[in-house]
Each structure stands twice: as C-alpha cells, then as structure tokens.
Amino acid sequence: MGRGIAERIFIYDDVLLMTHSFSPSQDGPLKITLNGELAHFAAGSTIADVVARMALGDKRIAVERNQEIVPKSLHAQTALAAGDVIEIVHAIGGG
C-alpha cells in the first residue's frame, strides 16, 4: 500500500504542504488514527473538531479521511467513526 498523505510532501501552486505535529489526547471513547498516531475523540466528533483541537482552523489545510479528501465545506458535517484514518497537512508558504 502507498504512503499516507502525512508521509508525503506535495508542492502545489508554489505552496509547500508539510505535516503538522500533533500530540494525541486520551479524552474520549472514539479511537482514530490521526497523522499516524492513535487519538481519542468524543462520540459525535467531526473533522471540524479535529481541526479545532489541532489549532489549524485559520490555516490552509488539506484533510484526508480513509484516503479520501474531505472538502473544507464538509468538515463540520463529516462525523468521525471508530477506526477512521485521518491525515491533515497544512500549507507553509515558501519558494
């Protein structure tokens, strides 16, 4: 199987997308994999909740859920499920 989005670096429109570091939390019953690390979220959490916990709400990011890109317009509507694999990268400006 290929590498996850967090293991890759993309160059798109002269913007370098790099992975964001994250410290997993142990505060909920829902277990997911977030950027390669086990993370816990409360039942009913959404992609928007993940982005908020990582303090990336004001950043240019790309979110992948189970190898499918989740458009920003759907972050608040996309509920997490046990076992989801979430990869988040944020854009860092540069040459």
PDB file of N, CA and C in Angstrom:
ATOM      1  N   MET A   1       0.834  -1.170   0.000  1.00  0.00           N
ATOM      2  CA  MET A   1       0.000   0.000   0.000  1.00  0.00           C
ATOM      3  C   MET A   1       0.885   1.241   0.000  1.00  0.00           C
ATOM      4  N   GLY A   2       0.414   2.294  -0.634  1.00  0.00           N
ATOM      5  CA  GLY A   2       1.200   3.513  -0.739  1.00  0.00           C
ATOM      6  C   GLY A   2       1.305   4.258   0.577  1.00  0.00           C
ATOM      7  N   ARG A   3       2.104   5.263   0.579  1.00  0.00           N
ATOM      8  CA  ARG A   3       2.294   6.089   1.772  1.00  0.00           C
ATOM      9  C   ARG A   3       1.073   6.962   2.006  1.00  0.00           C
ATOM     10  N   GLY A   4       0.799   7.258   3.269  1.00  0.00           N
ATOM     11  CA  GLY A   4      -0.284   8.164   3.619  1.00  0.00           C
ATOM     12  C   GLY A   4       0.094   9.593   3.303  1.00  0.00           C
ATOM     13  N   ILE A   5      -0.900  10.444   3.271  1.00  0.00           N
ATOM     14  CA  ILE A   5      -0.670  11.839   2.919  1.00  0.00           C
ATOM     15  C   ILE A   5       0.295  12.513   3.896  1.00  0.00           C
ATOM     16  N   ALA A   6       0.306  12.076   5.165  1.00  0.00           N
ATOM     17  CA  ALA A   6       1.208  12.689   6.148  1.00  0.00           C
ATOM     18  C   ALA A   6       2.659  12.314   5.911  1.00  0.00           C
ATOM     19  N   GLU A   7       2.900  11.267   5.139  1.00  0.00           N
ATOM     20  CA  GLU A   7       4.265  10.835   4.876  1.00  0.00           C
ATOM     21  C   GLU A   7       4.826  11.462   3.603  1.00  0.00           C
ATOM     22  N   ARG A   8       3.983  12.189   2.916  1.00  0.00           N
ATOM     23  CA  ARG A   8       4.405  12.774   1.651  1.00  0.00           C
ATOM     24  C   ARG A   8       4.486  14.288   1.754  1.00  0.00           C
ATOM     25  N   ILE A   9       5.247  14.863   0.870  1.00  0.00           N
ATOM     26  CA  ILE A   9       5.310  16.321   0.749  1.00  0.00           C
ATOM     27  C   ILE A   9       4.822  16.655  -0.652  1.00  0.00           C
ATOM     28  N   PHE A  10       3.904  17.592  -0.731  1.00  0.00           N
ATOM     29  CA  PHE A  10       3.347  17.989  -2.012  1.00  0.00           C
ATOM     30  C   PHE A  10       3.752  19.427  -2.307  1.00  0.00           C
ATOM     31  N   ILE A  11       3.961  19.716  -3.554  1.00  0.00           N
ATOM     32  CA  ILE A  11       4.154  21.100  -3.966  1.00  0.00           C
ATOM     33  C   ILE A  11       2.992  21.423  -4.891  1.00  0.00           C
ATOM     34  N   TYR A  12       2.206  22.424  -4.522  1.00  0.00           N
ATOM     35  CA  TYR A  12       1.022  22.791  -5.281  1.00  0.00           C
ATOM     36  C   TYR A  12       0.957  24.310  -5.333  1.00  0.00           C
ATOM     37  N   ASP A  13       0.946  24.854  -6.520  1.00  0.00           N
ATOM     38  CA  ASP A  13       0.902  26.306  -6.698  1.00  0.00           C
ATOM     39  C   ASP A  13       1.948  27.020  -5.850  1.00  0.00           C
ATOM     40  N   ASP A  14       3.171  26.518  -5.888  1.00  0.00           N
ATOM     41  CA  ASP A  14       4.289  27.109  -5.161  1.00  0.00           C
ATOM     42  C   ASP A  14       4.079  27.148  -3.648  1.00  0.00           C
ATOM     43  N   VAL A  15       3.211  26.296  -3.134  1.00  0.00           N
ATOM     44  CA  VAL A  15       2.995  26.195  -1.696  1.00  0.00           C
ATOM     45  C   VAL A  15       3.456  24.816  -1.269  1.00  0.00           C
ATOM     46  N   LEU A  16       4.278  24.777  -0.250  1.00  0.00           N
ATOM     47  CA  LEU A  16       4.772  23.507   0.256  1.00  0.00           C
ATOM     48  C   LEU A  16       3.839  23.033   1.357  1.00  0.00           C
ATOM     49  N   LEU A  17       3.264  21.843   1.166  1.00  0.00           N
ATOM     50  CA  LEU A  17       2.393  21.269   2.185  1.00  0.00           C
ATOM     51  C   LEU A  17       3.220  20.323   3.030  1.00  0.00           C
ATOM     52  N   MET A  18       3.226  20.555   4.324  1.00  0.00           N
ATOM     53  CA  MET A  18       4.008  19.720   5.224  1.00  0.00           C
ATOM     54  C   MET A  18       3.096  19.218   6.333  1.00  0.00           C
ATOM     55  N   THR A  19       3.479  18.128   6.956  1.00  0.00           N
ATOM     56  CA  THR A  19       2.677  17.589   8.043  1.00  0.00           C
ATOM     57  C   THR A  19       2.761  18.489   9.265  1.00  0.00           C
ATOM     58  N   HIS A  20       1.731  18.466  10.060  1.00  0.00           N
ATOM     59  CA  HIS A  20       1.663  19.234  11.298  1.00  0.00           C
ATOM     60  C   HIS A  20       1.842  18.259  12.448  1.00  0.00           C
ATOM     61  N   SER A  21       2.681  18.596  13.402  1.00  0.00           N
ATOM     62  CA  SER A  21       2.874  17.715  14.548  1.00  0.00           C
ATOM     63  C   SER A  21       1.649  17.778  15.449  1.00  0.00           C
ATOM     64  N   PHE A  22       1.374  16.694  16.153  1.00  0.00           N
ATOM     65  CA  PHE A  22       0.191  16.602  16.982  1.00  0.00           C
ATOM     66  C   PHE A  22       0.459  15.658  18.130  1.00  0.00           C
ATOM     67  N   SER A  23       0.020  16.043  19.309  1.00  0.00           N
ATOM     68  CA  SER A  23       0.124  15.163  20.465  1.00  0.00           C
ATOM     69  C   SER A  23      -1.242  14.553  20.714  1.00  0.00           C
ATOM     70  N   PRO A  24      -1.374  13.232  20.584  1.00  0.00           N
ATOM     71  CA  PRO A  24      -2.674  12.597  20.771  1.00  0.00           C
ATOM     72  C   PRO A  24      -3.224  12.847  22.173  1.00  0.00           C
ATOM     73  N   SER A  25      -4.542  12.878  22.254  1.00  0.00           N
ATOM     74  CA  SER A  25      -5.222  13.062  23.527  1.00  0.00           C
ATOM     75  C   SER A  25      -5.906  11.763  23.930  1.00  0.00           C
ATOM     76  N   GLN A  26      -6.188  11.617  25.191  1.00  0.00           N
ATOM     77  CA  GLN A  26      -6.850  10.422  25.700  1.00  0.00           C
ATOM     78  C   GLN A  26      -8.214  10.792  26.287  1.00  0.00           C
ATOM     79  N   ASP A  27      -8.956  11.745  25.699  1.00  0.00           N
ATOM     80  CA  ASP A  27     -10.150  12.266  26.356  1.00  0.00           C
ATOM     81  C   ASP A  27     -11.476  11.774  25.795  1.00  0.00           C
ATOM     82  N   GLY A  28     -11.549  10.691  25.091  1.00  0.00           N
ATOM     83  CA  GLY A  28     -12.831  10.236  24.569  1.00  0.00           C
ATOM     84  C   GLY A  28     -12.815   8.789  24.161  1.00  0.00           C
ATOM     85  N   PRO A  29     -13.992   8.222  23.933  1.00  0.00           N
ATOM     86  CA  PRO A  29     -14.095   6.800  23.634  1.00  0.00           C
ATOM     87  C   PRO A  29     -13.861   6.427  22.171  1.00  0.00           C
ATOM     88  N   LEU A  30     -13.881   7.398  21.259  1.00  0.00           N
ATOM     89  CA  LEU A  30     -13.750   7.121  19.833  1.00  0.00           C
ATOM     90  C   LEU A  30     -12.277   7.109  19.454  1.00  0.00           C
ATOM     91  N   LYS A  31     -11.773   5.957  19.002  1.00  0.00           N
ATOM     92  CA  LYS A  31     -10.354   5.843  18.642  1.00  0.00           C
ATOM     93  C   LYS A  31     -10.195   5.968  17.136  1.00  0.00           C
ATOM     94  N   ILE A  32      -9.305   6.877  16.731  1.00  0.00           N
ATOM     95  CA  ILE A  32      -8.961   7.053  15.327  1.00  0.00           C
ATOM     96  C   ILE A  32      -7.444   7.109  15.215  1.00  0.00           C
ATOM     97  N   THR A  33      -6.959   7.050  13.989  1.00  0.00           N
ATOM     98  CA  THR A  33      -5.544   7.290  13.726  1.00  0.00           C
ATOM     99  C   THR A  33      -5.446   8.672  13.097  1.00  0.00           C
ATOM    100  N   LEU A  34      -4.680   9.550  13.723  1.00  0.00           N
ATOM    101  CA  LEU A  34      -4.535  10.926  13.266  1.00  0.00           C
ATOM    102  C   LEU A  34      -3.075  11.190  12.967  1.00  0.00           C
ATOM    103  N   ASN A  35      -2.772  11.401  11.699  1.00  0.00           N
ATOM    104  CA  ASN A  35      -1.391  11.604  11.251  1.00  0.00           C
ATOM    105  C   ASN A  35      -0.472  10.513  11.796  1.00  0.00           C
ATOM    106  N   GLY A  36      -0.953   9.279  11.735  1.00  0.00           N
ATOM    107  CA  GLY A  36      -0.141   8.124  12.114  1.00  0.00           C
ATOM    108  C   GLY A  36      -0.115   7.802  13.594  1.00  0.00           C
ATOM    109  N   GLU A  37      -0.828   8.577  14.417  1.00  0.00           N
ATOM    110  CA  GLU A  37      -0.840   8.373  15.871  1.00  0.00           C
ATOM    111  C   GLU A  37      -2.259   8.076  16.346  1.00  0.00           C
ATOM    112  N   LEU A  38      -2.380   7.226  17.357  1.00  0.00           N
ATOM    113  CA  LEU A  38      -3.676   6.955  17.962  1.00  0.00           C
ATOM    114  C   LEU A  38      -4.180   8.212  18.657  1.00  0.00           C
ATOM    115  N   ALA A  39      -5.450   8.544  18.433  1.00  0.00           N
ATOM    116  CA  ALA A  39      -6.070   9.702  19.079  1.00  0.00           C
ATOM    117  C   ALA A  39      -7.475   9.310  19.513  1.00  0.00           C
ATOM    118  N   HIS A  40      -7.963   9.945  20.561  1.00  0.00           N
ATOM    119  CA  HIS A  40      -9.287   9.677  21.104  1.00  0.00           C
ATOM    120  C   HIS A  40     -10.140  10.936  20.996  1.00  0.00           C
ATOM    121  N   PHE A  41     -11.383  10.758  20.579  1.00  0.00           N
ATOM    122  CA  PHE A  41     -12.338  11.852  20.469  1.00  0.00           C
ATOM    123  C   PHE A  41     -13.664  11.398  21.047  1.00  0.00           C
ATOM    124  N   ALA A  42     -14.482  12.344  21.450  1.00  0.00           N
ATOM    125  CA  ALA A  42     -15.813  12.044  21.956  1.00  0.00           C
ATOM    126  C   ALA A  42     -16.699  11.561  20.811  1.00  0.00           C
ATOM    127  N   ALA A  43     -17.632  10.688  21.132  1.00  0.00           N
ATOM    128  CA  ALA A  43     -18.606  10.241  20.136  1.00  0.00           C
ATOM    129  C   ALA A  43     -19.311  11.465  19.562  1.00  0.00           C
ATOM    130  N   GLY A  44     -19.560  11.458  18.264  1.00  0.00           N
ATOM    131  CA  GLY A  44     -20.208  12.577  17.597  1.00  0.00           C
ATOM    132  C   GLY A  44     -19.255  13.653  17.108  1.00  0.00           C
ATOM    133  N   SER A  45     -17.964  13.488  17.356  1.00  0.00           N
ATOM    134  CA  SER A  45     -16.977  14.471  16.891  1.00  0.00           C
ATOM    135  C   SER A  45     -16.906  14.477  15.370  1.00  0.00           C
ATOM    136  N   THR A  46     -16.508  15.613  14.833  1.00  0.00           N
ATOM    137  CA  THR A  46     -16.407  15.785  13.388  1.00  0.00           C
ATOM    138  C   THR A  46     -14.981  16.140  12.988  1.00  0.00           C
ATOM    139  N   ILE A  47     -14.765  16.190  11.686  1.00  0.00           N
ATOM    140  CA  ILE A  47     -13.474  16.647  11.168  1.00  0.00           C
ATOM    141  C   ILE A  47     -13.187  18.057  11.687  1.00  0.00           C
ATOM    142  N   ALA A  48     -14.209  18.900  11.771  1.00  0.00           N
ATOM    143  CA  ALA A  48     -14.022  20.262  12.289  1.00  0.00           C
ATOM    144  C   ALA A  48     -13.491  20.234  13.721  1.00  0.00           C
ATOM    145  N   ASP A  49     -13.924  19.268  14.525  1.00  0.00           N
ATOM    146  CA  ASP A  49     -13.428  19.146  15.900  1.00  0.00           C
ATOM    147  C   ASP A  49     -11.948  18.768  15.914  1.00  0.00           C
ATOM    148  N   VAL A  50     -11.550  17.908  15.002  1.00  0.00           N
ATOM    149  CA  VAL A  50     -10.139  17.519  14.902  1.00  0.00           C
ATOM    150  C   VAL A  50      -9.296  18.739  14.537  1.00  0.00           C
ATOM    151  N   VAL A  51      -9.749  19.481  13.536  1.00  0.00           N
ATOM    152  CA  VAL A  51      -9.032  20.678  13.089  1.00  0.00           C
ATOM    153  C   VAL A  51      -8.937  21.694  14.233  1.00  0.00           C
ATOM    154  N   ALA A  52     -10.016  21.865  14.985  1.00  0.00           N
ATOM    155  CA  ALA A  52     -10.013  22.808  16.108  1.00  0.00           C
ATOM    156  C   ALA A  52      -9.032  22.367  17.189  1.00  0.00           C
ATOM    157  N   ARG A  53      -9.009  21.077  17.509  1.00  0.00           N
ATOM    158  CA  ARG A  53      -8.089  20.596  18.545  1.00  0.00           C
ATOM    159  C   ARG A  53      -6.640  20.832  18.141  1.00  0.00           C
ATOM    160  N   MET A  54      -6.366  20.731  16.855  1.00  0.00           N
ATOM    161  CA  MET A  54      -5.003  20.927  16.369  1.00  0.00           C
ATOM    162  C   MET A  54      -4.676  22.405  16.161  1.00  0.00           C
ATOM    163  N   ALA A  55      -5.634  23.285  16.441  1.00  0.00           N
ATOM    164  CA  ALA A  55      -5.459  24.735  16.288  1.00  0.00           C
ATOM    165  C   ALA A  55      -5.057  25.104  14.863  1.00  0.00           C
ATOM    166  N   LEU A  56      -5.728  24.474  13.896  1.00  0.00           N
ATOM    167  CA  LEU A  56      -5.430  24.733  12.489  1.00  0.00           C
ATOM    168  C   LEU A  56      -6.580  25.427  11.768  1.00  0.00           C
ATOM    169  N   GLY A  57      -7.566  25.920  12.508  1.00  0.00           N
ATOM    170  CA  GLY A  57      -8.755  26.498  11.901  1.00  0.00           C
ATOM    171  C   GLY A  57      -8.497  27.649  10.953  1.00  0.00           C
ATOM    172  N   ASP A  58      -7.468  28.442  11.209  1.00  0.00           N
ATOM    173  CA  ASP A  58      -7.192  29.601  10.362  1.00  0.00           C
ATOM    174  C   ASP A  58      -6.094  29.325   9.335  1.00  0.00           C
ATOM    175  N   LYS A  59      -5.654  28.091   9.243  1.00  0.00           N
ATOM    176  CA  LYS A  59      -4.565  27.720   8.327  1.00  0.00           C
ATOM    177  C   LYS A  59      -5.127  27.086   7.049  1.00  0.00           C
ATOM    178  N   ARG A  60      -4.319  27.139   5.997  1.00  0.00           N
ATOM    179  CA  ARG A  60      -4.659  26.427   4.755  1.00  0.00           C
ATOM    180  C   ARG A  60      -4.274  24.969   4.960  1.00  0.00           C
ATOM    181  N   ILE A  61      -5.272  24.092   4.965  1.00  0.00           N
ATOM    182  CA  ILE A  61      -5.022  22.685   5.241  1.00  0.00           C
ATOM    183  C   ILE A  61      -5.694  21.798   4.207  1.00  0.00           C
ATOM    184  N   ALA A  62      -5.245  20.560   4.172  1.00  0.00           N
ATOM    185  CA  ALA A  62      -5.906  19.505   3.405  1.00  0.00           C
ATOM    186  C   ALA A  62      -6.178  18.375   4.388  1.00  0.00           C
ATOM    187  N   VAL A  63      -7.394  17.824   4.323  1.00  0.00           N
ATOM    188  CA  VAL A  63      -7.784  16.740   5.219  1.00  0.00           C
ATOM    189  C   VAL A  63      -8.159  15.522   4.387  1.00  0.00           C
ATOM    190  N   GLU A  64      -7.610  14.394   4.790  1.00  0.00           N
ATOM    191  CA  GLU A  64      -7.924  13.124   4.141  1.00  0.00           C
ATOM    192  C   GLU A  64      -8.517  12.196   5.200  1.00  0.00           C
ATOM    193  N   ARG A  65      -9.665  11.602   4.895  1.00  0.00           N
ATOM    194  CA  ARG A  65     -10.312  10.621   5.782  1.00  0.00           C
ATOM    195  C   ARG A  65     -10.386   9.302   5.035  1.00  0.00           C
ATOM    196  N   ASN A  66      -9.709   8.302   5.560  1.00  0.00           N
ATOM    197  CA  ASN A  66      -9.700   6.980   4.929  1.00  0.00           C
ATOM    198  C   ASN A  66      -9.340   7.069   3.446  1.00  0.00           C
ATOM    199  N   GLN A  67      -8.305   7.832   3.161  1.00  0.00           N
ATOM    200  CA  GLN A  67      -7.725   8.015   1.832  1.00  0.00           C
ATOM    201  C   GLN A  67      -8.632   8.768   0.861  1.00  0.00           C
ATOM    202  N   GLU A  68      -9.608   9.522   1.385  1.00  0.00           N
ATOM    203  CA  GLU A  68     -10.482  10.360   0.561  1.00  0.00           C
ATOM    204  C   GLU A  68     -10.377  11.797   1.074  1.00  0.00           C
ATOM    205  N   ILE A  69     -10.156  12.741   0.169  1.00  0.00           N
ATOM    206  CA  ILE A  69     -10.080  14.148   0.554  1.00  0.00           C
ATOM    207  C   ILE A  69     -11.459  14.608   1.040  1.00  0.00           C
ATOM    208  N   VAL A  70     -11.471  15.342   2.151  1.00  0.00           N
ATOM    209  CA  VAL A  70     -12.709  15.916   2.686  1.00  0.00           C
ATOM    210  C   VAL A  70     -12.654  17.421   2.441  1.00  0.00           C
ATOM    211  N   PRO A  71     -13.531  17.945   1.564  1.00  0.00           N
ATOM    212  CA  PRO A  71     -13.527  19.386   1.303  1.00  0.00           C
ATOM    213  C   PRO A  71     -13.820  20.179   2.580  1.00  0.00           C
ATOM    214  N   LYS A  72     -13.242  21.357   2.689  1.00  0.00           N
ATOM    215  CA  LYS A  72     -13.433  22.195   3.876  1.00  0.00           C
ATOM    216  C   LYS A  72     -14.915  22.447   4.142  1.00  0.00           C
ATOM    217  N   SER A  73     -15.702  22.568   3.097  1.00  0.00           N
ATOM    218  CA  SER A  73     -17.135  22.825   3.258  1.00  0.00           C
ATOM    219  C   SER A  73     -17.866  21.683   3.960  1.00  0.00           C
ATOM    220  N   LEU A  74     -17.239  20.507   4.041  1.00  0.00           N
ATOM    221  CA  LEU A  74     -17.865  19.350   4.688  1.00  0.00           C
ATOM    222  C   LEU A  74     -17.247  18.993   6.040  1.00  0.00           C
ATOM    223  N   HIS A  75     -16.259  19.740   6.508  1.00  0.00           N
ATOM    224  CA  HIS A  75     -15.595  19.406   7.774  1.00  0.00           C
ATOM    225  C   HIS A  75     -16.581  19.316   8.937  1.00  0.00           C
ATOM    226  N   ALA A  76     -17.494  20.281   9.066  1.00  0.00           N
ATOM    227  CA  ALA A  76     -18.432  20.296  10.193  1.00  0.00           C
ATOM    228  C   ALA A  76     -19.494  19.206  10.088  1.00  0.00           C
ATOM    229  N   GLN A  77     -19.728  18.698   8.893  1.00  0.00           N
ATOM    230  CA  GLN A  77     -20.753  17.674   8.673  1.00  0.00           C
ATOM    231  C   GLN A  77     -20.205  16.258   8.685  1.00  0.00           C
ATOM    232  N   THR A  78     -18.889  16.108   8.616  1.00  0.00           N
ATOM    233  CA  THR A  78     -18.284  14.783   8.487  1.00  0.00           C
ATOM    234  C   THR A  78     -17.942  14.236   9.862  1.00  0.00           C
ATOM    235  N   ALA A  79     -18.794  13.315  10.338  1.00  0.00           N
ATOM    236  CA  ALA A  79     -18.605  12.713  11.658  1.00  0.00           C
ATOM    237  C   ALA A  79     -17.489  11.679  11.611  1.00  0.00           C
ATOM    238  N   LEU A  80     -16.741  11.609  12.700  1.00  0.00           N
ATOM    239  CA  LEU A  80     -15.713  10.584  12.833  1.00  0.00           C
ATOM    240  C   LEU A  80     -16.368   9.251  13.167  1.00  0.00           C
ATOM    241  N   ALA A  81     -15.730   8.178  12.732  1.00  0.00           N
ATOM    242  CA  ALA A  81     -16.161   6.824  13.077  1.00  0.00           C
ATOM    243  C   ALA A  81     -14.968   6.088  13.657  1.00  0.00           C
ATOM    244  N   ALA A  82     -15.243   5.153  14.540  1.00  0.00           N
ATOM    245  CA  ALA A  82     -14.168   4.359  15.139  1.00  0.00           C
ATOM    246  C   ALA A  82     -13.320   3.746  14.038  1.00  0.00           C
ATOM    247  N   GLY A  83     -12.014   3.859  14.184  1.00  0.00           N
ATOM    248  CA  GLY A  83     -11.093   3.280  13.219  1.00  0.00           C
ATOM    249  C   GLY A  83     -10.749   4.164  12.042  1.00  0.00           C
ATOM    250  N   ASP A  84     -11.363   5.353  11.951  1.00  0.00           N
ATOM    251  CA  ASP A  84     -11.022   6.262  10.855  1.00  0.00           C
ATOM    252  C   ASP A  84      -9.525   6.558  10.862  1.00  0.00           C
ATOM    253  N   VAL A  85      -8.999   6.756   9.658  1.00  0.00           N
ATOM    254  CA  VAL A  85      -7.614   7.189   9.494  1.00  0.00           C
ATOM    255  C   VAL A  85      -7.682   8.599   8.913  1.00  0.00           C
ATOM    256  N   ILE A  86      -7.274   9.566   9.716  1.00  0.00           N
ATOM    257  CA  ILE A  86      -7.322  10.976   9.328  1.00  0.00           C
ATOM    258  C   ILE A  86      -5.898  11.478   9.145  1.00  0.00           C
ATOM    259  N   GLU A  87      -5.656  12.098   8.010  1.00  0.00           N
ATOM    260  CA  GLU A  87      -4.357  12.719   7.733  1.00  0.00           C
ATOM    261  C   GLU A  87      -4.622  14.193   7.457  1.00  0.00           C
ATOM    262  N   ILE A  88      -3.899  15.055   8.135  1.00  0.00           N
ATOM    263  CA  ILE A  88      -4.052  16.500   7.952  1.00  0.00           C
ATOM    264  C   ILE A  88      -2.686  17.100   7.668  1.00  0.00           C
ATOM    265  N   VAL A  89      -2.627  17.896   6.619  1.00  0.00           N
ATOM    266  CA  VAL A  89      -1.413  18.647   6.316  1.00  0.00           C
ATOM    267  C   VAL A  89      -1.805  20.112   6.204  1.00  0.00           C
ATOM    268  N   HIS A  90      -0.879  20.989   6.538  1.00  0.00           N
ATOM    269  CA  HIS A  90      -1.172  22.406   6.357  1.00  0.00           C
ATOM    270  C   HIS A  90      -0.119  23.034   5.464  1.00  0.00           C
ATOM    271  N   ALA A  91      -0.561  24.076   4.761  1.00  0.00           N
ATOM    272  CA  ALA A  91       0.298  24.749   3.793  1.00  0.00           C
ATOM    273  C   ALA A  91       1.258  25.684   4.509  1.00  0.00           C
ATOM    274  N   ILE A  92       2.485  25.650   4.065  1.00  0.00           N
ATOM    275  CA  ILE A  92       3.512  26.562   4.553  1.00  0.00           C
ATOM    276  C   ILE A  92       4.049  27.291   3.333  1.00  0.00           C
ATOM    277  N   GLY A  93       3.921  28.601   3.317  1.00  0.00           N
ATOM    278  CA  GLY A  93       4.378  29.374   2.174  1.00  0.00           C
ATOM    279  C   GLY A  93       5.883  29.278   1.994  1.00  0.00           C
ATOM    280  N   GLY A  94       6.298  29.365   0.781  1.00  0.00           N
ATOM    281  CA  GLY A  94       7.727  29.316   0.503  1.00  0.00           C
ATOM    282  C   GLY A  94       7.985  29.210  -0.977  1.00  0.00           C
ATOM    283  N   GLY A  95       9.249  29.167  -1.309  1.00  0.00           N
ATOM    284  CA  GLY A  95       9.711  29.163  -2.678  1.00  0.00           C
ATOM    285  C   GLY A  95       9.425  27.981  -3.414  1.00  0.00           C
TER     286      GLY A  95
END
